Amino acid sequence: MRERKSEPEGILEIPLVGDLTDGAADLCDKLLSVPPGGECILYFDSLGGNPYTATALTSLILLRGLKATGVVAGECSSAALWPFAACRRRLVTPFSVMLFHPMKWQSEENVVIGEAAEWARHFTQLEKDMDRLLADLFGCQSEKIEDWVRACRYVTGPELAAAGLAELVELAPLDVLKKYLFP
């Protein structure tokens, strides 16, 4: 996970690529390097990851009051949707894609039946809470998110923009895109 300062504005640019869980410590560190209330641009090309990693990244963005701009450069699916939704500005391209689906869980551990039952109870509540949070972050009716989740729906950039949840930008040279990224 490479970071770079953009010239001349000095806004930190952070890529969120691949499984968020694999780079969680690095991503948290990069978000913590943005001053509270500061600006950054998050570039998404992620299939998601652990919901707790998504919660941690989302919490850092919100609790630190970051003025984050999220850009879906490729895919922003599953758990990656929460930090994207936490961004104050959300940009998508005609080729961006977001997968909304029910949470999945698995255990590779040997667990006793009581622990498995408690995990199932907790996970059911977590899924409801996370779907509600996602709708709140996007500023939309929870039914919209629930419909997409139940359908395991791939939503394109133009569809997300048409729903009023992001801004659609055309792919163009940097001098044209500067008005979107560095207003």
N, C-alpha and C. Protein backbone atom coordinates (compact mmCIF):
# COMPACT_ATOMS: atom_id res chain seq x y z
N MET A 1 0.84 -1.16 0.00
CA MET A 1 0.00 0.00 0.00
C MET A 1 0.90 1.24 0.00
N ARG A 2 1.01 1.86 -1.14
CA ARG A 2 1.88 3.01 -1.31
C ARG A 2 1.09 4.28 -1.11
N GLU A 3 1.69 5.28 -0.53
CA GLU A 3 1.06 6.57 -0.40
C GLU A 3 1.94 7.60 -1.09
N ARG A 4 1.31 8.69 -1.50
CA ARG A 4 2.09 9.76 -2.07
C ARG A 4 1.36 11.07 -1.84
N LYS A 5 2.12 12.11 -1.76
CA LYS A 5 1.53 13.44 -1.65
C LYS A 5 1.34 13.97 -3.06
N SER A 6 0.19 14.54 -3.30
CA SER A 6 -0.05 15.10 -4.62
C SER A 6 0.54 16.50 -4.67
N GLU A 7 1.01 16.88 -5.80
CA GLU A 7 1.53 18.22 -6.01
C GLU A 7 0.38 19.07 -6.53
N PRO A 8 0.22 20.26 -6.31
CA PRO A 8 0.85 21.12 -5.34
C PRO A 8 0.07 21.20 -4.02
N GLU A 9 -1.11 20.60 -3.95
CA GLU A 9 -1.98 20.79 -2.80
C GLU A 9 -1.54 20.03 -1.55
N GLY A 10 -0.77 18.95 -1.70
CA GLY A 10 -0.30 18.20 -0.55
C GLY A 10 -1.36 17.31 0.08
N ILE A 11 -2.39 16.97 -0.64
CA ILE A 11 -3.43 16.09 -0.12
C ILE A 11 -2.92 14.65 -0.19
N LEU A 12 -2.98 13.94 0.93
CA LEU A 12 -2.52 12.56 0.97
C LEU A 12 -3.44 11.68 0.13
N GLU A 13 -2.85 10.85 -0.72
CA GLU A 13 -3.60 9.91 -1.55
C GLU A 13 -3.29 8.50 -1.05
N ILE A 14 -4.34 7.73 -0.75
CA ILE A 14 -4.18 6.41 -0.16
C ILE A 14 -4.92 5.38 -0.99
N PRO A 15 -4.23 4.36 -1.50
CA PRO A 15 -4.93 3.29 -2.23
C PRO A 15 -5.45 2.23 -1.27
N LEU A 16 -6.68 1.81 -1.45
CA LEU A 16 -7.26 0.69 -0.73
C LEU A 16 -7.49 -0.39 -1.79
N VAL A 17 -6.53 -1.30 -1.89
CA VAL A 17 -6.50 -2.26 -2.98
C VAL A 17 -6.47 -3.68 -2.41
N GLY A 18 -7.20 -4.57 -3.05
CA GLY A 18 -7.21 -5.97 -2.62
C GLY A 18 -8.06 -6.17 -1.39
N ASP A 19 -7.74 -7.23 -0.65
CA ASP A 19 -8.46 -7.56 0.58
C ASP A 19 -8.05 -6.58 1.67
N LEU A 20 -9.00 -5.80 2.19
CA LEU A 20 -8.69 -4.79 3.20
C LEU A 20 -8.06 -5.39 4.44
N THR A 21 -8.45 -6.61 4.77
CA THR A 21 -7.94 -7.25 5.98
C THR A 21 -6.44 -7.45 5.91
N ASP A 22 -5.94 -7.79 4.73
CA ASP A 22 -4.50 -8.04 4.57
C ASP A 22 -3.67 -6.80 4.86
N GLY A 23 -4.19 -5.62 4.59
CA GLY A 23 -3.42 -4.40 4.79
C GLY A 23 -3.98 -3.51 5.89
N ALA A 24 -4.75 -4.09 6.82
CA ALA A 24 -5.45 -3.29 7.83
C ALA A 24 -4.53 -2.39 8.63
N ALA A 25 -3.43 -2.93 9.15
CA ALA A 25 -2.53 -2.12 9.98
C ALA A 25 -1.95 -0.96 9.18
N ASP A 26 -1.54 -1.23 7.95
CA ASP A 26 -0.97 -0.19 7.09
C ASP A 26 -2.02 0.87 6.75
N LEU A 27 -3.24 0.43 6.43
CA LEU A 27 -4.30 1.38 6.09
C LEU A 27 -4.66 2.26 7.29
N CYS A 28 -4.77 1.66 8.47
CA CYS A 28 -5.05 2.45 9.68
C CYS A 28 -3.93 3.46 9.92
N ASP A 29 -2.70 3.04 9.75
CA ASP A 29 -1.56 3.94 9.94
C ASP A 29 -1.62 5.11 8.95
N LYS A 30 -1.95 4.83 7.71
CA LYS A 30 -2.04 5.89 6.70
C LYS A 30 -3.17 6.87 7.03
N LEU A 31 -4.32 6.34 7.47
CA LEU A 31 -5.42 7.24 7.85
C LEU A 31 -5.04 8.07 9.08
N LEU A 32 -4.29 7.48 10.01
CA LEU A 32 -3.85 8.23 11.18
C LEU A 32 -2.80 9.29 10.84
N SER A 33 -2.16 9.16 9.67
CA SER A 33 -1.18 10.16 9.27
C SER A 33 -1.85 11.42 8.70
N VAL A 34 -3.15 11.32 8.42
CA VAL A 34 -3.89 12.51 7.98
C VAL A 34 -4.30 13.26 9.26
N PRO A 35 -3.98 14.54 9.36
CA PRO A 35 -4.34 15.27 10.58
C PRO A 35 -5.85 15.25 10.82
N PRO A 36 -6.29 15.24 12.07
CA PRO A 36 -7.73 15.31 12.34
C PRO A 36 -8.35 16.48 11.57
N GLY A 37 -9.46 16.20 10.90
CA GLY A 37 -10.11 17.22 10.08
C GLY A 37 -9.43 17.46 8.75
N GLY A 38 -8.36 16.72 8.46
CA GLY A 38 -7.61 16.92 7.22
C GLY A 38 -8.25 16.24 6.02
N GLU A 39 -7.68 16.55 4.87
CA GLU A 39 -8.18 16.01 3.61
C GLU A 39 -7.32 14.85 3.14
N CYS A 40 -7.96 13.91 2.45
CA CYS A 40 -7.25 12.83 1.79
C CYS A 40 -8.12 12.30 0.66
N ILE A 41 -7.50 11.58 -0.24
CA ILE A 41 -8.22 10.91 -1.32
C ILE A 41 -7.95 9.42 -1.17
N LEU A 42 -9.02 8.64 -1.11
CA LEU A 42 -8.92 7.19 -1.01
C LEU A 42 -9.32 6.59 -2.35
N TYR A 43 -8.42 5.82 -2.94
CA TYR A 43 -8.69 5.16 -4.22
C TYR A 43 -9.03 3.71 -3.94
N PHE A 44 -10.21 3.26 -4.36
CA PHE A 44 -10.69 1.93 -4.07
C PHE A 44 -10.57 1.01 -5.28
N ASP A 45 -10.00 -0.15 -5.05
CA ASP A 45 -10.08 -1.29 -5.95
C ASP A 45 -9.98 -2.52 -5.05
N SER A 46 -11.07 -2.78 -4.34
CA SER A 46 -11.06 -3.78 -3.28
C SER A 46 -12.30 -4.66 -3.33
N LEU A 47 -12.07 -5.93 -3.15
CA LEU A 47 -13.16 -6.90 -3.08
C LEU A 47 -13.77 -6.95 -1.69
N GLY A 48 -13.19 -6.23 -0.72
CA GLY A 48 -13.73 -6.18 0.63
C GLY A 48 -12.79 -6.79 1.63
N GLY A 49 -13.34 -7.55 2.55
CA GLY A 49 -12.55 -8.16 3.61
C GLY A 49 -13.39 -8.35 4.85
N ASN A 50 -12.75 -8.40 5.98
CA ASN A 50 -13.40 -8.62 7.27
C ASN A 50 -14.27 -7.41 7.64
N PRO A 51 -15.51 -7.64 8.10
CA PRO A 51 -16.37 -6.50 8.48
C PRO A 51 -15.79 -5.67 9.63
N TYR A 52 -15.00 -6.29 10.50
CA TYR A 52 -14.41 -5.52 11.59
C TYR A 52 -13.31 -4.59 11.08
N THR A 53 -12.60 -5.00 10.05
CA THR A 53 -11.62 -4.11 9.41
C THR A 53 -12.34 -2.93 8.79
N ALA A 54 -13.46 -3.20 8.12
CA ALA A 54 -14.26 -2.12 7.53
C ALA A 54 -14.74 -1.16 8.61
N THR A 55 -15.18 -1.70 9.75
CA THR A 55 -15.64 -0.87 10.85
C THR A 55 -14.51 0.00 11.38
N ALA A 56 -13.32 -0.56 11.51
CA ALA A 56 -12.17 0.20 12.01
C ALA A 56 -11.82 1.35 11.07
N LEU A 57 -11.75 1.08 9.77
CA LEU A 57 -11.41 2.12 8.81
C LEU A 57 -12.48 3.21 8.78
N THR A 58 -13.74 2.78 8.79
CA THR A 58 -14.86 3.72 8.79
C THR A 58 -14.82 4.59 10.05
N SER A 59 -14.56 3.96 11.19
CA SER A 59 -14.48 4.70 12.45
C SER A 59 -13.37 5.74 12.42
N LEU A 60 -12.21 5.39 11.88
CA LEU A 60 -11.11 6.36 11.81
C LEU A 60 -11.49 7.55 10.94
N ILE A 61 -12.13 7.30 9.82
CA ILE A 61 -12.54 8.39 8.93
C ILE A 61 -13.53 9.31 9.64
N LEU A 62 -14.53 8.72 10.28
CA LEU A 62 -15.59 9.50 10.90
C LEU A 62 -15.16 10.17 12.20
N LEU A 63 -14.54 9.41 13.09
CA LEU A 63 -14.18 9.94 14.40
C LEU A 63 -13.11 11.02 14.32
N ARG A 64 -12.27 10.95 13.30
CA ARG A 64 -11.21 11.95 13.13
C ARG A 64 -11.67 13.10 12.23
N GLY A 65 -12.93 13.02 11.75
CA GLY A 65 -13.48 14.11 10.95
C GLY A 65 -12.74 14.33 9.65
N LEU A 66 -12.24 13.25 9.05
CA LEU A 66 -11.47 13.40 7.81
C LEU A 66 -12.37 13.85 6.67
N LYS A 67 -11.85 14.75 5.89
CA LYS A 67 -12.55 15.21 4.68
C LYS A 67 -12.04 14.34 3.55
N ALA A 68 -12.53 13.11 3.53
CA ALA A 68 -12.06 12.12 2.56
C ALA A 68 -12.90 12.17 1.30
N THR A 69 -12.21 12.07 0.19
CA THR A 69 -12.85 11.86 -1.11
C THR A 69 -12.56 10.43 -1.50
N GLY A 70 -13.60 9.64 -1.74
CA GLY A 70 -13.44 8.26 -2.18
C GLY A 70 -13.61 8.17 -3.68
N VAL A 71 -12.69 7.48 -4.32
CA VAL A 71 -12.74 7.30 -5.78
C VAL A 71 -12.71 5.80 -6.05
N VAL A 72 -13.77 5.27 -6.67
CA VAL A 72 -13.77 3.86 -7.05
C VAL A 72 -13.09 3.76 -8.40
N ALA A 73 -11.82 3.36 -8.35
CA ALA A 73 -11.02 3.24 -9.57
C ALA A 73 -11.32 1.93 -10.30
N GLY A 74 -11.81 0.95 -9.58
CA GLY A 74 -12.14 -0.35 -10.16
C GLY A 74 -13.34 -0.92 -9.44
N GLU A 75 -13.08 -1.75 -8.42
CA GLU A 75 -14.14 -2.40 -7.66
C GLU A 75 -14.13 -1.86 -6.23
N CYS A 76 -15.31 -1.74 -5.67
CA CYS A 76 -15.47 -1.40 -4.25
C CYS A 76 -16.62 -2.25 -3.75
N SER A 77 -16.30 -3.41 -3.22
CA SER A 77 -17.32 -4.38 -2.88
C SER A 77 -17.28 -4.79 -1.43
N SER A 78 -18.39 -5.35 -1.00
CA SER A 78 -18.49 -5.98 0.30
C SER A 78 -18.05 -5.03 1.40
N ALA A 79 -17.10 -5.43 2.23
CA ALA A 79 -16.67 -4.61 3.37
C ALA A 79 -16.04 -3.28 2.94
N ALA A 80 -15.53 -3.17 1.73
CA ALA A 80 -14.95 -1.90 1.27
C ALA A 80 -16.01 -0.81 1.10
N LEU A 81 -17.27 -1.21 1.04
CA LEU A 81 -18.34 -0.23 0.88
C LEU A 81 -18.45 0.73 2.07
N TRP A 82 -18.15 0.25 3.27
CA TRP A 82 -18.31 1.11 4.45
C TRP A 82 -17.32 2.27 4.45
N PRO A 83 -16.02 2.05 4.30
CA PRO A 83 -15.13 3.22 4.26
C PRO A 83 -15.43 4.13 3.06
N PHE A 84 -15.86 3.56 1.94
CA PHE A 84 -16.24 4.39 0.80
C PHE A 84 -17.43 5.27 1.15
N ALA A 85 -18.44 4.68 1.78
CA ALA A 85 -19.64 5.44 2.15
C ALA A 85 -19.32 6.51 3.20
N ALA A 86 -18.27 6.29 4.00
CA ALA A 86 -17.88 7.26 5.03
C ALA A 86 -17.21 8.49 4.43
N CYS A 87 -16.83 8.44 3.18
CA CYS A 87 -16.18 9.58 2.52
C CYS A 87 -17.19 10.70 2.31
N ARG A 88 -16.73 11.93 2.49
CA ARG A 88 -17.62 13.09 2.30
C ARG A 88 -18.01 13.25 0.84
N ARG A 89 -17.06 12.95 -0.05
CA ARG A 89 -17.35 12.95 -1.50
C ARG A 89 -17.06 11.56 -2.01
N ARG A 90 -17.92 11.09 -2.89
CA ARG A 90 -17.75 9.75 -3.47
C ARG A 90 -17.82 9.88 -4.99
N LEU A 91 -16.73 9.47 -5.65
CA LEU A 91 -16.65 9.55 -7.10
C LEU A 91 -16.57 8.15 -7.69
N VAL A 92 -17.31 7.94 -8.77
CA VAL A 92 -17.29 6.67 -9.50
C VAL A 92 -17.12 6.98 -10.98
N THR A 93 -16.65 5.99 -11.71
CA THR A 93 -16.51 6.12 -13.16
C THR A 93 -17.56 5.24 -13.82
N PRO A 94 -17.71 5.35 -15.14
CA PRO A 94 -18.65 4.46 -15.82
C PRO A 94 -18.27 2.98 -15.68
N PHE A 95 -17.03 2.70 -15.28
CA PHE A 95 -16.55 1.32 -15.19
C PHE A 95 -16.45 0.82 -13.75
N SER A 96 -16.77 1.67 -12.77
CA SER A 96 -16.74 1.26 -11.37
C SER A 96 -17.83 0.23 -11.11
N VAL A 97 -17.56 -0.67 -10.17
CA VAL A 97 -18.56 -1.66 -9.78
C VAL A 97 -18.50 -1.87 -8.27
N MET A 98 -19.68 -2.05 -7.69
CA MET A 98 -19.81 -2.28 -6.25
C MET A 98 -20.72 -3.49 -6.05
N LEU A 99 -20.25 -4.47 -5.28
CA LEU A 99 -21.07 -5.64 -4.98
C LEU A 99 -21.64 -5.50 -3.57
N PHE A 100 -22.96 -5.51 -3.49
CA PHE A 100 -23.68 -5.52 -2.22
C PHE A 100 -24.15 -6.95 -2.00
N HIS A 101 -23.83 -7.53 -0.85
CA HIS A 101 -24.26 -8.90 -0.57
C HIS A 101 -24.38 -9.11 0.94
N PRO A 102 -25.11 -10.16 1.35
CA PRO A 102 -25.16 -10.47 2.79
C PRO A 102 -23.77 -10.83 3.29
N MET A 103 -23.53 -10.54 4.56
CA MET A 103 -22.23 -10.89 5.15
C MET A 103 -22.05 -12.40 5.16
N LYS A 104 -20.82 -12.79 4.99
CA LYS A 104 -20.47 -14.21 5.04
C LYS A 104 -19.55 -14.42 6.22
N TRP A 105 -19.69 -15.53 6.86
CA TRP A 105 -18.75 -15.83 7.93
C TRP A 105 -18.40 -17.29 7.88
N GLN A 106 -17.22 -17.54 8.36
CA GLN A 106 -16.74 -18.92 8.44
C GLN A 106 -15.77 -18.99 9.60
N SER A 107 -15.60 -20.18 10.09
CA SER A 107 -14.64 -20.39 11.16
C SER A 107 -13.78 -21.56 10.79
N GLU A 108 -12.49 -21.34 10.87
CA GLU A 108 -11.55 -22.43 10.62
C GLU A 108 -11.08 -23.01 11.95
N GLU A 109 -11.70 -22.55 13.02
CA GLU A 109 -11.35 -22.99 14.36
C GLU A 109 -12.31 -24.10 14.79
N ASN A 110 -11.88 -24.90 15.72
CA ASN A 110 -12.77 -25.86 16.36
C ASN A 110 -13.49 -25.11 17.47
N VAL A 111 -14.80 -24.98 17.35
CA VAL A 111 -15.57 -24.25 18.35
C VAL A 111 -16.64 -25.16 18.93
N VAL A 112 -16.98 -24.89 20.17
CA VAL A 112 -18.05 -25.64 20.81
C VAL A 112 -19.38 -25.08 20.35
N ILE A 113 -20.44 -25.86 20.49
CA ILE A 113 -21.75 -25.48 19.97
C ILE A 113 -22.24 -24.16 20.57
N GLY A 114 -21.98 -23.93 21.86
CA GLY A 114 -22.42 -22.68 22.49
C GLY A 114 -21.76 -21.46 21.86
N GLU A 115 -20.49 -21.58 21.57
CA GLU A 115 -19.77 -20.47 20.93
C GLU A 115 -20.30 -20.23 19.51
N ALA A 116 -20.57 -21.31 18.80
CA ALA A 116 -21.11 -21.18 17.44
C ALA A 116 -22.49 -20.53 17.47
N ALA A 117 -23.31 -20.91 18.44
CA ALA A 117 -24.65 -20.32 18.55
C ALA A 117 -24.55 -18.83 18.88
N GLU A 118 -23.64 -18.47 19.78
CA GLU A 118 -23.47 -17.05 20.13
C GLU A 118 -22.94 -16.26 18.94
N TRP A 119 -22.01 -16.84 18.19
CA TRP A 119 -21.48 -16.17 17.01
C TRP A 119 -22.59 -15.95 16.00
N ALA A 120 -23.46 -16.94 15.80
CA ALA A 120 -24.57 -16.79 14.85
C ALA A 120 -25.51 -15.66 15.30
N ARG A 121 -25.82 -15.61 16.60
CA ARG A 121 -26.68 -14.54 17.12
C ARG A 121 -26.02 -13.18 16.90
N HIS A 122 -24.75 -13.09 17.28
CA HIS A 122 -24.01 -11.83 17.12
C HIS A 122 -23.93 -11.43 15.65
N PHE A 123 -23.64 -12.38 14.79
CA PHE A 123 -23.46 -12.07 13.38
C PHE A 123 -24.75 -11.58 12.74
N THR A 124 -25.89 -12.14 13.15
CA THR A 124 -27.19 -11.69 12.65
C THR A 124 -27.40 -10.22 13.00
N GLN A 125 -27.10 -9.86 14.26
CA GLN A 125 -27.26 -8.48 14.69
C GLN A 125 -26.24 -7.57 13.99
N LEU A 126 -25.01 -8.03 13.86
CA LEU A 126 -23.98 -7.25 13.19
C LEU A 126 -24.39 -6.93 11.76
N GLU A 127 -24.92 -7.91 11.05
CA GLU A 127 -25.34 -7.69 9.67
C GLU A 127 -26.41 -6.61 9.58
N LYS A 128 -27.40 -6.66 10.47
CA LYS A 128 -28.46 -5.65 10.47
C LYS A 128 -27.88 -4.26 10.78
N ASP A 129 -27.02 -4.21 11.80
CA ASP A 129 -26.43 -2.93 12.18
C ASP A 129 -25.57 -2.35 11.07
N MET A 130 -24.79 -3.19 10.41
CA MET A 130 -23.91 -2.72 9.34
C MET A 130 -24.70 -2.25 8.13
N ASP A 131 -25.79 -2.93 7.79
CA ASP A 131 -26.63 -2.49 6.68
C ASP A 131 -27.27 -1.14 6.99
N ARG A 132 -27.71 -0.97 8.23
CA ARG A 132 -28.30 0.31 8.65
C ARG A 132 -27.23 1.42 8.60
N LEU A 133 -26.03 1.12 9.08
CA LEU A 133 -24.94 2.09 9.04
C LEU A 133 -24.62 2.48 7.60
N LEU A 134 -24.58 1.50 6.70
CA LEU A 134 -24.27 1.78 5.30
C LEU A 134 -25.31 2.72 4.71
N ALA A 135 -26.57 2.47 4.98
CA ALA A 135 -27.63 3.37 4.48
C ALA A 135 -27.47 4.77 5.08
N ASP A 136 -27.17 4.85 6.38
CA ASP A 136 -26.98 6.16 7.01
C ASP A 136 -25.80 6.91 6.38
N LEU A 137 -24.68 6.21 6.16
CA LEU A 137 -23.51 6.86 5.57
C LEU A 137 -23.79 7.34 4.15
N PHE A 138 -24.50 6.52 3.38
CA PHE A 138 -24.85 6.93 2.02
C PHE A 138 -25.95 7.99 2.02
N GLY A 139 -26.67 8.12 3.14
CA GLY A 139 -27.76 9.09 3.20
C GLY A 139 -28.95 8.66 2.37
N CYS A 140 -29.25 7.36 2.40
CA CYS A 140 -30.38 6.86 1.62
C CYS A 140 -31.28 6.00 2.50
N GLN A 141 -32.42 5.64 1.96
CA GLN A 141 -33.34 4.76 2.66
C GLN A 141 -32.71 3.38 2.81
N SER A 142 -32.88 2.78 3.98
CA SER A 142 -32.29 1.46 4.22
C SER A 142 -32.85 0.40 3.27
N GLU A 143 -34.07 0.61 2.78
CA GLU A 143 -34.67 -0.36 1.85
C GLU A 143 -33.84 -0.49 0.57
N LYS A 144 -33.26 0.60 0.10
CA LYS A 144 -32.43 0.56 -1.12
C LYS A 144 -31.25 -0.37 -0.91
N ILE A 145 -30.54 -0.20 0.21
CA ILE A 145 -29.38 -1.05 0.51
C ILE A 145 -29.84 -2.49 0.73
N GLU A 146 -30.91 -2.69 1.49
CA GLU A 146 -31.43 -4.03 1.74
C GLU A 146 -31.80 -4.75 0.45
N ASP A 147 -32.42 -4.04 -0.48
CA ASP A 147 -32.78 -4.65 -1.78
C ASP A 147 -31.53 -5.12 -2.51
N TRP A 148 -30.51 -4.27 -2.57
CA TRP A 148 -29.28 -4.64 -3.25
C TRP A 148 -28.59 -5.79 -2.56
N VAL A 149 -28.57 -5.78 -1.22
CA VAL A 149 -27.91 -6.84 -0.45
C VAL A 149 -28.63 -8.17 -0.68
N ARG A 150 -29.93 -8.18 -0.54
CA ARG A 150 -30.70 -9.43 -0.74
C ARG A 150 -30.49 -10.02 -2.13
N ALA A 151 -30.36 -9.15 -3.11
CA ALA A 151 -30.20 -9.60 -4.50
C ALA A 151 -28.76 -9.93 -4.84
N CYS A 152 -27.82 -9.75 -3.88
CA CYS A 152 -26.39 -9.91 -4.18
C CYS A 152 -26.05 -9.11 -5.45
N ARG A 153 -26.40 -7.85 -5.43
CA ARG A 153 -26.43 -7.00 -6.62
C ARG A 153 -25.09 -6.32 -6.89
N TYR A 154 -24.61 -6.47 -8.13
CA TYR A 154 -23.51 -5.65 -8.62
C TYR A 154 -24.13 -4.34 -9.10
N VAL A 155 -23.69 -3.24 -8.54
CA VAL A 155 -24.19 -1.92 -8.90
C VAL A 155 -23.06 -1.20 -9.63
N THR A 156 -23.36 -0.67 -10.79
CA THR A 156 -22.34 0.04 -11.57
C THR A 156 -22.19 1.48 -11.09
N GLY A 157 -21.10 2.10 -11.50
CA GLY A 157 -20.89 3.50 -11.17
C GLY A 157 -22.05 4.38 -11.60
N PRO A 158 -22.50 4.26 -12.87
CA PRO A 158 -23.63 5.09 -13.28
C PRO A 158 -24.90 4.82 -12.46
N GLU A 159 -25.13 3.57 -12.06
CA GLU A 159 -26.31 3.27 -11.23
C GLU A 159 -26.20 3.90 -9.84
N LEU A 160 -25.01 3.83 -9.24
CA LEU A 160 -24.81 4.42 -7.92
C LEU A 160 -25.00 5.93 -7.99
N ALA A 161 -24.49 6.54 -9.05
CA ALA A 161 -24.66 7.98 -9.23
C ALA A 161 -26.13 8.33 -9.47
N ALA A 162 -26.82 7.54 -10.27
CA ALA A 162 -28.24 7.79 -10.53
C ALA A 162 -29.08 7.69 -9.26
N ALA A 163 -28.63 6.85 -8.31
CA ALA A 163 -29.32 6.71 -7.03
C ALA A 163 -28.98 7.87 -6.09
N GLY A 164 -28.07 8.77 -6.52
CA GLY A 164 -27.70 9.93 -5.72
C GLY A 164 -26.69 9.63 -4.63
N LEU A 165 -25.97 8.49 -4.75
CA LEU A 165 -25.04 8.08 -3.71
C LEU A 165 -23.59 8.39 -4.03
N ALA A 166 -23.32 8.88 -5.24
CA ALA A 166 -21.96 9.21 -5.67
C ALA A 166 -22.05 10.15 -6.86
N GLU A 167 -20.91 10.72 -7.22
CA GLU A 167 -20.82 11.56 -8.41
C GLU A 167 -20.16 10.74 -9.51
N LEU A 168 -20.69 10.81 -10.70
CA LEU A 168 -20.12 10.11 -11.85
C LEU A 168 -19.11 11.02 -12.53
N VAL A 169 -17.89 10.51 -12.74
CA VAL A 169 -16.87 11.26 -13.47
C VAL A 169 -16.41 10.42 -14.66
N GLU A 170 -16.20 11.08 -15.75
CA GLU A 170 -15.67 10.40 -16.94
C GLU A 170 -14.17 10.25 -16.79
N LEU A 171 -13.62 9.20 -17.34
CA LEU A 171 -12.17 9.06 -17.34
C LEU A 171 -11.60 10.06 -18.32
N ALA A 172 -10.66 10.86 -17.83
CA ALA A 172 -10.09 11.94 -18.64
C ALA A 172 -8.69 12.22 -18.11
N PRO A 173 -7.88 12.96 -18.87
CA PRO A 173 -6.55 13.32 -18.38
C PRO A 173 -6.63 14.10 -17.08
N LEU A 174 -5.54 14.09 -16.31
CA LEU A 174 -5.49 14.71 -14.99
C LEU A 174 -5.94 16.16 -15.00
N ASP A 175 -5.55 16.92 -16.01
CA ASP A 175 -5.92 18.34 -16.00
C ASP A 175 -7.44 18.51 -16.02
N VAL A 176 -8.17 17.58 -16.63
CA VAL A 176 -9.63 17.64 -16.64
C VAL A 176 -10.18 17.16 -15.29
N LEU A 177 -9.58 16.11 -14.72
CA LEU A 177 -10.07 15.54 -13.47
C LEU A 177 -9.73 16.38 -12.24
N LYS A 178 -8.78 17.30 -12.37
CA LYS A 178 -8.39 18.12 -11.21
C LYS A 178 -9.59 18.82 -10.59
N LYS A 179 -10.56 19.21 -11.42
CA LYS A 179 -11.73 19.92 -10.87
C LYS A 179 -12.55 19.02 -9.95
N TYR A 180 -12.47 17.70 -10.15
CA TYR A 180 -13.18 16.77 -9.27
C TYR A 180 -12.37 16.43 -8.02
N LEU A 181 -11.08 16.22 -8.20
CA LEU A 181 -10.26 15.75 -7.10
C LEU A 181 -9.68 16.87 -6.25
N PHE A 182 -9.40 18.00 -6.84
CA PHE A 182 -8.75 19.10 -6.12
C PHE A 182 -9.52 20.40 -6.35
N PRO A 183 -10.80 20.43 -5.94
CA PRO A 183 -11.61 21.64 -6.22
C PRO A 183 -11.11 22.86 -5.46
